[in-house]
ModelCIF file with pLDDT and N, C-alpha, C, O atoms, coordinates in Angstrom:
data_MODEL
#
_entry.id   MODEL 
#
_entity.id                         1 
_entity.type                       polymer 
_entity.pdbx_number_of_molecules   1 
#
_entity_poly.entity_id                      1 
_entity_poly.type                           'polypeptide(L)' 
_entity_poly.nstd_linkage                   no 
_entity_poly.nstd_monomer                   no 
_entity_poly.pdbx_seq_one_letter_code       DMHRLLHLAKEHGRQEQLLDVLYRANFAEERSVFGEDER 
_entity_poly.pdbx_seq_one_letter_code_can   DMHRLLHLAKEHGRQEQLLDVLYRANFAEERSVFGEDER 
_entity_poly.pdbx_strand_id                 A 
#
loop_
_entity_poly_seq.entity_id 
_entity_poly_seq.num 
_entity_poly_seq.mon_id 
_entity_poly_seq.hetero 
1 1  ASP n 
1 2  MET n 
1 3  HIS n 
1 4  ARG n 
1 5  LEU n 
1 6  LEU n 
1 7  HIS n 
1 8  LEU n 
1 9  ALA n 
1 10 LYS n 
1 11 GLU n 
1 12 HIS n 
1 13 GLY n 
1 14 ARG n 
1 15 GLN n 
1 16 GLU n 
1 17 GLN n 
1 18 LEU n 
1 19 LEU n 
1 20 ASP n 
1 21 VAL n 
1 22 LEU n 
1 23 TYR n 
1 24 ARG n 
1 25 ALA n 
1 26 ASN n 
1 27 PHE n 
1 28 ALA n 
1 29 GLU n 
1 30 GLU n 
1 31 ARG n 
1 32 SER n 
1 33 VAL n 
1 34 PHE n 
1 35 GLY n 
1 36 GLU n 
1 37 ASP n 
1 38 GLU n 
1 39 ARG n 
#
_struct_asym.id          A 
_struct_asym.entity_id   1 
#
loop_
_ma_qa_metric.id 
_ma_qa_metric.mode 
_ma_qa_metric.name 
_ma_qa_metric.software_group_id 
_ma_qa_metric.type 
1 global pLDDT . pLDDT 
2 local  pLDDT . pLDDT 
#
_ma_qa_metric_global.metric_id      1 
_ma_qa_metric_global.metric_value   97.46 
_ma_qa_metric_global.model_id       1 
_ma_qa_metric_global.ordinal_id     1 
#
loop_
_ma_qa_metric_local.label_asym_id 
_ma_qa_metric_local.label_comp_id 
_ma_qa_metric_local.label_seq_id 
_ma_qa_metric_local.metric_id 
_ma_qa_metric_local.metric_value 
_ma_qa_metric_local.model_id 
_ma_qa_metric_local.ordinal_id 
A ASP 1  2 98.00 1 1  
A MET 2  2 98.00 1 2  
A HIS 3  2 98.00 1 3  
A ARG 4  2 98.00 1 4  
A LEU 5  2 98.00 1 5  
A LEU 6  2 98.00 1 6  
A HIS 7  2 98.00 1 7  
A LEU 8  2 98.00 1 8  
A ALA 9  2 98.00 1 9  
A LYS 10 2 98.00 1 10 
A GLU 11 2 97.00 1 11 
A HIS 12 2 98.00 1 12 
A GLY 13 2 97.00 1 13 
A ARG 14 2 98.00 1 14 
A GLN 15 2 98.00 1 15 
A GLU 16 2 97.00 1 16 
A GLN 17 2 98.00 1 17 
A LEU 18 2 98.00 1 18 
A LEU 19 2 98.00 1 19 
A ASP 20 2 98.00 1 20 
A VAL 21 2 98.00 1 21 
A LEU 22 2 98.00 1 22 
A TYR 23 2 98.00 1 23 
A ARG 24 2 98.00 1 24 
A ALA 25 2 98.00 1 25 
A ASN 26 2 98.00 1 26 
A PHE 27 2 98.00 1 27 
A ALA 28 2 98.00 1 28 
A GLU 29 2 97.00 1 29 
A GLU 30 2 95.00 1 30 
A ARG 31 2 96.00 1 31 
A SER 32 2 97.00 1 32 
A VAL 33 2 98.00 1 33 
A PHE 34 2 97.00 1 34 
A GLY 35 2 92.00 1 35 
A GLU 36 2 95.00 1 36 
A ASP 37 2 97.00 1 37 
A GLU 38 2 98.00 1 38 
A ARG 39 2 98.00 1 39 
#
loop_
_atom_site.group_PDB 
_atom_site.id 
_atom_site.type_symbol 
_atom_site.label_atom_id 
_atom_site.label_alt_id 
_atom_site.label_comp_id 
_atom_site.label_asym_id 
_atom_site.label_entity_id 
_atom_site.label_seq_id 
_atom_site.pdbx_PDB_ins_code 
_atom_site.Cartn_x 
_atom_site.Cartn_y 
_atom_site.Cartn_z 
_atom_site.occupancy 
_atom_site.B_iso_or_equiv 
_atom_site.pdbx_formal_charge 
_atom_site.auth_seq_id 
_atom_site.auth_comp_id 
_atom_site.auth_asym_id 
_atom_site.auth_atom_id 
_atom_site.pdbx_PDB_model_num 
ATOM 1   N N  . ASP A 1 1  ? -57.701 -169.276 -8.022 1.00 98.00 ? 1  ASP A N  1 
ATOM 2   C CA . ASP A 1 1  ? -57.715 -167.861 -7.827 1.00 98.00 ? 1  ASP A CA 1 
ATOM 3   C C  . ASP A 1 1  ? -57.337 -167.034 -6.721 1.00 98.00 ? 1  ASP A C  1 
ATOM 4   O O  . ASP A 1 1  ? -57.371 -165.811 -6.859 1.00 98.00 ? 1  ASP A O  1 
ATOM 5   N N  . MET A 1 2  ? -56.973 -167.569 -5.611 1.00 98.00 ? 2  MET A N  1 
ATOM 6   C CA . MET A 1 2  ? -56.071 -167.722 -4.521 1.00 98.00 ? 2  MET A CA 1 
ATOM 7   C C  . MET A 1 2  ? -54.492 -166.985 -5.019 1.00 98.00 ? 2  MET A C  1 
ATOM 8   O O  . MET A 1 2  ? -53.860 -165.932 -4.930 1.00 98.00 ? 2  MET A O  1 
ATOM 9   N N  . HIS A 1 3  ? -54.392 -168.592 -5.680 1.00 98.00 ? 3  HIS A N  1 
ATOM 10  C CA . HIS A 1 3  ? -52.914 -168.962 -5.890 1.00 98.00 ? 3  HIS A CA 1 
ATOM 11  C C  . HIS A 1 3  ? -52.550 -167.798 -6.775 1.00 98.00 ? 3  HIS A C  1 
ATOM 12  O O  . HIS A 1 3  ? -51.360 -167.519 -6.625 1.00 98.00 ? 3  HIS A O  1 
ATOM 13  N N  . ARG A 1 4  ? -53.248 -166.913 -7.767 1.00 98.00 ? 4  ARG A N  1 
ATOM 14  C CA . ARG A 1 4  ? -53.253 -166.174 -8.728 1.00 98.00 ? 4  ARG A CA 1 
ATOM 15  C C  . ARG A 1 4  ? -53.109 -164.449 -7.646 1.00 98.00 ? 4  ARG A C  1 
ATOM 16  O O  . ARG A 1 4  ? -52.377 -163.504 -7.938 1.00 98.00 ? 4  ARG A O  1 
ATOM 17  N N  . LEU A 1 5  ? -53.956 -164.528 -6.558 1.00 98.00 ? 5  LEU A N  1 
ATOM 18  C CA . LEU A 1 5  ? -54.089 -163.558 -5.717 1.00 98.00 ? 5  LEU A CA 1 
ATOM 19  C C  . LEU A 1 5  ? -52.413 -163.116 -5.047 1.00 98.00 ? 5  LEU A C  1 
ATOM 20  O O  . LEU A 1 5  ? -51.699 -162.114 -4.999 1.00 98.00 ? 5  LEU A O  1 
ATOM 21  N N  . LEU A 1 6  ? -52.373 -164.207 -4.711 1.00 98.00 ? 6  LEU A N  1 
ATOM 22  C CA . LEU A 1 6  ? -51.199 -164.915 -3.995 1.00 98.00 ? 6  LEU A CA 1 
ATOM 23  C C  . LEU A 1 6  ? -49.348 -163.971 -4.804 1.00 98.00 ? 6  LEU A C  1 
ATOM 24  O O  . LEU A 1 6  ? -48.452 -163.358 -4.224 1.00 98.00 ? 6  LEU A O  1 
ATOM 25  N N  . HIS A 1 7  ? -49.516 -164.266 -6.028 1.00 98.00 ? 7  HIS A N  1 
ATOM 26  C CA . HIS A 1 7  ? -48.901 -163.929 -7.460 1.00 98.00 ? 7  HIS A CA 1 
ATOM 27  C C  . HIS A 1 7  ? -48.603 -162.363 -6.973 1.00 98.00 ? 7  HIS A C  1 
ATOM 28  O O  . HIS A 1 7  ? -47.611 -161.901 -6.410 1.00 98.00 ? 7  HIS A O  1 
ATOM 29  N N  . LEU A 1 8  ? -49.873 -161.704 -7.415 1.00 98.00 ? 8  LEU A N  1 
ATOM 30  C CA . LEU A 1 8  ? -50.041 -160.285 -7.385 1.00 98.00 ? 8  LEU A CA 1 
ATOM 31  C C  . LEU A 1 8  ? -49.438 -160.164 -5.750 1.00 98.00 ? 8  LEU A C  1 
ATOM 32  O O  . LEU A 1 8  ? -48.459 -159.447 -5.957 1.00 98.00 ? 8  LEU A O  1 
ATOM 33  N N  . ALA A 1 9  ? -49.438 -160.371 -4.610 1.00 98.00 ? 9  ALA A N  1 
ATOM 34  C CA . ALA A 1 9  ? -48.566 -159.945 -3.627 1.00 98.00 ? 9  ALA A CA 1 
ATOM 35  C C  . ALA A 1 9  ? -47.440 -160.426 -4.002 1.00 98.00 ? 9  ALA A C  1 
ATOM 36  O O  . ALA A 1 9  ? -47.161 -159.629 -4.897 1.00 98.00 ? 9  ALA A O  1 
ATOM 37  N N  . LYS A 1 10 ? -46.988 -160.816 -3.981 1.00 98.00 ? 10 LYS A N  1 
ATOM 38  C CA . LYS A 1 10 ? -45.435 -161.103 -4.133 1.00 98.00 ? 10 LYS A CA 1 
ATOM 39  C C  . LYS A 1 10 ? -45.048 -160.028 -5.273 1.00 98.00 ? 10 LYS A C  1 
ATOM 40  O O  . LYS A 1 10 ? -43.864 -160.168 -5.581 1.00 98.00 ? 10 LYS A O  1 
ATOM 41  N N  . GLU A 1 11 ? -45.646 -159.064 -5.946 1.00 97.00 ? 11 GLU A N  1 
ATOM 42  C CA . GLU A 1 11 ? -44.796 -158.082 -6.618 1.00 97.00 ? 11 GLU A CA 1 
ATOM 43  C C  . GLU A 1 11 ? -45.523 -157.304 -5.187 1.00 97.00 ? 11 GLU A C  1 
ATOM 44  O O  . GLU A 1 11 ? -44.527 -157.670 -4.562 1.00 97.00 ? 11 GLU A O  1 
ATOM 45  N N  . HIS A 1 12 ? -46.219 -156.690 -4.297 1.00 98.00 ? 12 HIS A N  1 
ATOM 46  C CA . HIS A 1 12 ? -45.991 -156.380 -3.593 1.00 98.00 ? 12 HIS A CA 1 
ATOM 47  C C  . HIS A 1 12 ? -45.790 -156.457 -2.430 1.00 98.00 ? 12 HIS A C  1 
ATOM 48  O O  . HIS A 1 12 ? -46.298 -155.795 -1.524 1.00 98.00 ? 12 HIS A O  1 
ATOM 49  N N  . GLY A 1 13 ? -44.649 -157.688 -2.360 1.00 97.00 ? 13 GLY A N  1 
ATOM 50  C CA . GLY A 1 13 ? -44.228 -157.695 -0.720 1.00 97.00 ? 13 GLY A CA 1 
ATOM 51  C C  . GLY A 1 13 ? -45.178 -158.310 0.009  1.00 97.00 ? 13 GLY A C  1 
ATOM 52  O O  . GLY A 1 13 ? -44.838 -158.633 1.148  1.00 97.00 ? 13 GLY A O  1 
ATOM 53  N N  . ARG A 1 14 ? -46.127 -158.527 -0.288 1.00 98.00 ? 14 ARG A N  1 
ATOM 54  C CA . ARG A 1 14 ? -47.716 -158.804 0.506  1.00 98.00 ? 14 ARG A CA 1 
ATOM 55  C C  . ARG A 1 14 ? -47.674 -160.273 0.757  1.00 98.00 ? 14 ARG A C  1 
ATOM 56  O O  . ARG A 1 14 ? -48.410 -160.878 1.536  1.00 98.00 ? 14 ARG A O  1 
ATOM 57  N N  . GLN A 1 15 ? -46.709 -160.794 -0.007 1.00 98.00 ? 15 GLN A N  1 
ATOM 58  C CA . GLN A 1 15 ? -47.060 -162.709 -0.211 1.00 98.00 ? 15 GLN A CA 1 
ATOM 59  C C  . GLN A 1 15 ? -47.386 -163.083 1.197  1.00 98.00 ? 15 GLN A C  1 
ATOM 60  O O  . GLN A 1 15 ? -48.512 -163.530 1.416  1.00 98.00 ? 15 GLN A O  1 
ATOM 61  N N  . GLU A 1 16 ? -46.634 -162.969 2.063  1.00 97.00 ? 16 GLU A N  1 
ATOM 62  C CA . GLU A 1 16 ? -46.254 -163.883 3.358  1.00 97.00 ? 16 GLU A CA 1 
ATOM 63  C C  . GLU A 1 16 ? -47.811 -163.108 4.375  1.00 97.00 ? 16 GLU A C  1 
ATOM 64  O O  . GLU A 1 16 ? -48.301 -163.732 5.316  1.00 97.00 ? 16 GLU A O  1 
ATOM 65  N N  . GLN A 1 17 ? -48.273 -161.919 3.992  1.00 98.00 ? 17 GLN A N  1 
ATOM 66  C CA . GLN A 1 17 ? -49.323 -161.457 4.759  1.00 98.00 ? 17 GLN A CA 1 
ATOM 67  C C  . GLN A 1 17 ? -50.986 -162.336 4.379  1.00 98.00 ? 17 GLN A C  1 
ATOM 68  O O  . GLN A 1 17 ? -51.873 -162.657 5.170  1.00 98.00 ? 17 GLN A O  1 
ATOM 69  N N  . LEU A 1 18 ? -50.904 -162.542 2.718  1.00 98.00 ? 18 LEU A N  1 
ATOM 70  C CA . LEU A 1 18 ? -52.096 -162.842 2.143  1.00 98.00 ? 18 LEU A CA 1 
ATOM 71  C C  . LEU A 1 18 ? -52.371 -164.470 2.819  1.00 98.00 ? 18 LEU A C  1 
ATOM 72  O O  . LEU A 1 18 ? -53.310 -165.005 3.407  1.00 98.00 ? 18 LEU A O  1 
ATOM 73  N N  . LEU A 1 19 ? -51.102 -164.867 2.407  1.00 98.00 ? 19 LEU A N  1 
ATOM 74  C CA . LEU A 1 19 ? -51.003 -166.444 2.593  1.00 98.00 ? 19 LEU A CA 1 
ATOM 75  C C  . LEU A 1 19 ? -51.412 -166.379 3.765  1.00 98.00 ? 19 LEU A C  1 
ATOM 76  O O  . LEU A 1 19 ? -52.562 -166.818 3.774  1.00 98.00 ? 19 LEU A O  1 
ATOM 77  N N  . ASP A 1 20 ? -50.925 -165.902 5.305  1.00 98.00 ? 20 ASP A N  1 
ATOM 78  C CA . ASP A 1 20 ? -51.972 -166.246 6.344  1.00 98.00 ? 20 ASP A CA 1 
ATOM 79  C C  . ASP A 1 20 ? -53.154 -165.959 6.989  1.00 98.00 ? 20 ASP A C  1 
ATOM 80  O O  . ASP A 1 20 ? -53.590 -166.345 8.074  1.00 98.00 ? 20 ASP A O  1 
ATOM 81  N N  . VAL A 1 21 ? -53.691 -165.076 5.985  1.00 98.00 ? 21 VAL A N  1 
ATOM 82  C CA . VAL A 1 21 ? -55.287 -164.158 5.736  1.00 98.00 ? 21 VAL A CA 1 
ATOM 83  C C  . VAL A 1 21 ? -55.777 -165.095 5.404  1.00 98.00 ? 21 VAL A C  1 
ATOM 84  O O  . VAL A 1 21 ? -56.759 -165.467 6.047  1.00 98.00 ? 21 VAL A O  1 
ATOM 85  N N  . LEU A 1 22 ? -55.206 -166.084 3.984  1.00 98.00 ? 22 LEU A N  1 
ATOM 86  C CA . LEU A 1 22 ? -56.015 -167.201 3.545  1.00 98.00 ? 22 LEU A CA 1 
ATOM 87  C C  . LEU A 1 22 ? -56.332 -168.103 4.204  1.00 98.00 ? 22 LEU A C  1 
ATOM 88  O O  . LEU A 1 22 ? -57.383 -168.709 3.991  1.00 98.00 ? 22 LEU A O  1 
ATOM 89  N N  . TYR A 1 23 ? -55.597 -168.381 5.061  1.00 98.00 ? 23 TYR A N  1 
ATOM 90  C CA . TYR A 1 23 ? -55.669 -170.102 5.635  1.00 98.00 ? 23 TYR A CA 1 
ATOM 91  C C  . TYR A 1 23 ? -56.709 -170.192 6.352  1.00 98.00 ? 23 TYR A C  1 
ATOM 92  O O  . TYR A 1 23 ? -57.644 -170.986 6.460  1.00 98.00 ? 23 TYR A O  1 
ATOM 93  N N  . ARG A 1 24 ? -56.035 -168.200 7.344  1.00 98.00 ? 24 ARG A N  1 
ATOM 94  C CA . ARG A 1 24 ? -56.989 -168.401 8.778  1.00 98.00 ? 24 ARG A CA 1 
ATOM 95  C C  . ARG A 1 24 ? -58.538 -168.102 8.169  1.00 98.00 ? 24 ARG A C  1 
ATOM 96  O O  . ARG A 1 24 ? -59.503 -168.273 8.914  1.00 98.00 ? 24 ARG A O  1 
ATOM 97  N N  . ALA A 1 25 ? -58.684 -167.744 7.076  1.00 98.00 ? 25 ALA A N  1 
ATOM 98  C CA . ALA A 1 25 ? -59.691 -167.368 6.150  1.00 98.00 ? 25 ALA A CA 1 
ATOM 99  C C  . ALA A 1 25 ? -60.450 -168.596 6.182  1.00 98.00 ? 25 ALA A C  1 
ATOM 100 O O  . ALA A 1 25 ? -61.616 -168.798 6.522  1.00 98.00 ? 25 ALA A O  1 
ATOM 101 N N  . ASN A 1 26 ? -59.548 -169.376 5.757  1.00 98.00 ? 26 ASN A N  1 
ATOM 102 C CA . ASN A 1 26 ? -60.435 -171.162 5.062  1.00 98.00 ? 26 ASN A CA 1 
ATOM 103 C C  . ASN A 1 26 ? -60.975 -171.774 6.278  1.00 98.00 ? 26 ASN A C  1 
ATOM 104 O O  . ASN A 1 26 ? -62.165 -172.029 6.462  1.00 98.00 ? 26 ASN A O  1 
ATOM 105 N N  . PHE A 1 27 ? -59.460 -172.117 7.568  1.00 98.00 ? 27 PHE A N  1 
ATOM 106 C CA . PHE A 1 27 ? -59.674 -173.124 8.162  1.00 98.00 ? 27 PHE A CA 1 
ATOM 107 C C  . PHE A 1 27 ? -59.972 -172.708 9.921  1.00 98.00 ? 27 PHE A C  1 
ATOM 108 O O  . PHE A 1 27 ? -60.046 -173.469 10.886 1.00 98.00 ? 27 PHE A O  1 
ATOM 109 N N  . ALA A 1 28 ? -60.122 -170.928 9.839  1.00 98.00 ? 28 ALA A N  1 
ATOM 110 C CA . ALA A 1 28 ? -60.743 -170.771 10.875 1.00 98.00 ? 28 ALA A CA 1 
ATOM 111 C C  . ALA A 1 28 ? -62.194 -170.112 11.106 1.00 98.00 ? 28 ALA A C  1 
ATOM 112 O O  . ALA A 1 28 ? -62.906 -170.188 12.107 1.00 98.00 ? 28 ALA A O  1 
ATOM 113 N N  . GLU A 1 29 ? -62.458 -169.361 9.736  1.00 97.00 ? 29 GLU A N  1 
ATOM 114 C CA . GLU A 1 29 ? -64.015 -168.365 9.967  1.00 97.00 ? 29 GLU A CA 1 
ATOM 115 C C  . GLU A 1 29 ? -65.185 -168.646 9.658  1.00 97.00 ? 29 GLU A C  1 
ATOM 116 O O  . GLU A 1 29 ? -65.070 -169.715 9.058  1.00 97.00 ? 29 GLU A O  1 
ATOM 117 N N  . GLU A 1 30 ? -66.185 -168.390 9.679  1.00 95.00 ? 30 GLU A N  1 
ATOM 118 C CA . GLU A 1 30 ? -67.127 -169.414 8.753  1.00 95.00 ? 30 GLU A CA 1 
ATOM 119 C C  . GLU A 1 30 ? -67.590 -168.565 8.565  1.00 95.00 ? 30 GLU A C  1 
ATOM 120 O O  . GLU A 1 30 ? -68.410 -168.064 9.334  1.00 95.00 ? 30 GLU A O  1 
ATOM 121 N N  . ARG A 1 31 ? -67.167 -167.973 7.238  1.00 96.00 ? 31 ARG A N  1 
ATOM 122 C CA . ARG A 1 31 ? -67.235 -167.740 6.293  1.00 96.00 ? 31 ARG A CA 1 
ATOM 123 C C  . ARG A 1 31 ? -66.604 -168.108 5.021  1.00 96.00 ? 31 ARG A C  1 
ATOM 124 O O  . ARG A 1 31 ? -65.575 -167.591 4.585  1.00 96.00 ? 31 ARG A O  1 
ATOM 125 N N  . SER A 1 32 ? -67.059 -168.728 4.640  1.00 97.00 ? 32 SER A N  1 
ATOM 126 C CA . SER A 1 32 ? -66.505 -169.271 2.945  1.00 97.00 ? 32 SER A CA 1 
ATOM 127 C C  . SER A 1 32 ? -65.373 -168.140 2.748  1.00 97.00 ? 32 SER A C  1 
ATOM 128 O O  . SER A 1 32 ? -65.424 -166.933 2.986  1.00 97.00 ? 32 SER A O  1 
ATOM 129 N N  . VAL A 1 33 ? -64.313 -168.954 2.222  1.00 98.00 ? 33 VAL A N  1 
ATOM 130 C CA . VAL A 1 33 ? -63.834 -168.476 0.744  1.00 98.00 ? 33 VAL A CA 1 
ATOM 131 C C  . VAL A 1 33 ? -63.572 -168.502 -0.643 1.00 98.00 ? 33 VAL A C  1 
ATOM 132 O O  . VAL A 1 33 ? -62.962 -167.692 -1.342 1.00 98.00 ? 33 VAL A O  1 
ATOM 133 N N  . PHE A 1 34 ? -64.136 -169.574 -0.932 1.00 97.00 ? 34 PHE A N  1 
ATOM 134 C CA . PHE A 1 34 ? -64.819 -169.834 -2.246 1.00 97.00 ? 34 PHE A CA 1 
ATOM 135 C C  . PHE A 1 34 ? -66.101 -169.436 -2.892 1.00 97.00 ? 34 PHE A C  1 
ATOM 136 O O  . PHE A 1 34 ? -67.143 -169.363 -2.240 1.00 97.00 ? 34 PHE A O  1 
ATOM 137 N N  . GLY A 1 35 ? -66.025 -169.130 -4.401 1.00 92.00 ? 35 GLY A N  1 
ATOM 138 C CA . GLY A 1 35 ? -67.335 -168.689 -4.805 1.00 92.00 ? 35 GLY A CA 1 
ATOM 139 C C  . GLY A 1 35 ? -67.688 -167.192 -5.234 1.00 92.00 ? 35 GLY A C  1 
ATOM 140 O O  . GLY A 1 35 ? -68.038 -166.795 -6.346 1.00 92.00 ? 35 GLY A O  1 
ATOM 141 N N  . GLU A 1 36 ? -67.568 -166.721 -4.470 1.00 95.00 ? 36 GLU A N  1 
ATOM 142 C CA . GLU A 1 36 ? -67.530 -165.079 -3.842 1.00 95.00 ? 36 GLU A CA 1 
ATOM 143 C C  . GLU A 1 36 ? -66.251 -163.865 -4.687 1.00 95.00 ? 36 GLU A C  1 
ATOM 144 O O  . GLU A 1 36 ? -65.668 -163.305 -3.758 1.00 95.00 ? 36 GLU A O  1 
ATOM 145 N N  . ASP A 1 37 ? -65.815 -163.456 -5.768 1.00 97.00 ? 37 ASP A N  1 
ATOM 146 C CA . ASP A 1 37 ? -64.735 -162.741 -5.737 1.00 97.00 ? 37 ASP A CA 1 
ATOM 147 C C  . ASP A 1 37 ? -64.575 -161.296 -3.971 1.00 97.00 ? 37 ASP A C  1 
ATOM 148 O O  . ASP A 1 37 ? -63.722 -160.782 -3.247 1.00 97.00 ? 37 ASP A O  1 
ATOM 149 N N  . GLU A 1 38 ? -66.114 -161.329 -4.199 1.00 98.00 ? 38 GLU A N  1 
ATOM 150 C CA . GLU A 1 38 ? -65.715 -159.820 -3.285 1.00 98.00 ? 38 GLU A CA 1 
ATOM 151 C C  . GLU A 1 38 ? -64.911 -160.456 -2.098 1.00 98.00 ? 38 GLU A C  1 
ATOM 152 O O  . GLU A 1 38 ? -63.892 -159.880 -1.716 1.00 98.00 ? 38 GLU A O  1 
ATOM 153 N N  . ARG A 1 39 ? -65.214 -161.311 -1.656 1.00 98.00 ? 39 ARG A N  1 
ATOM 154 C CA . ARG A 1 39 ? -64.790 -162.153 -0.407 1.00 98.00 ? 39 ARG A CA 1 
ATOM 155 C C  . ARG A 1 39 ? -62.919 -162.309 -0.721 1.00 98.00 ? 39 ARG A C  1 
ATOM 156 O O  . ARG A 1 39 ? -62.209 -162.926 0.072  1.00 98.00 ? 39 ARG A O  1 
#
């Protein structure tokens, strides 16, 4: 699902920004990035 969102972001010129946000959320933040769409 994250990769699908990255393709959406690419269409809007925000791919780099979303990738950075996802990386930080997955590796540095306590709240999980898996399982919840609203996250």
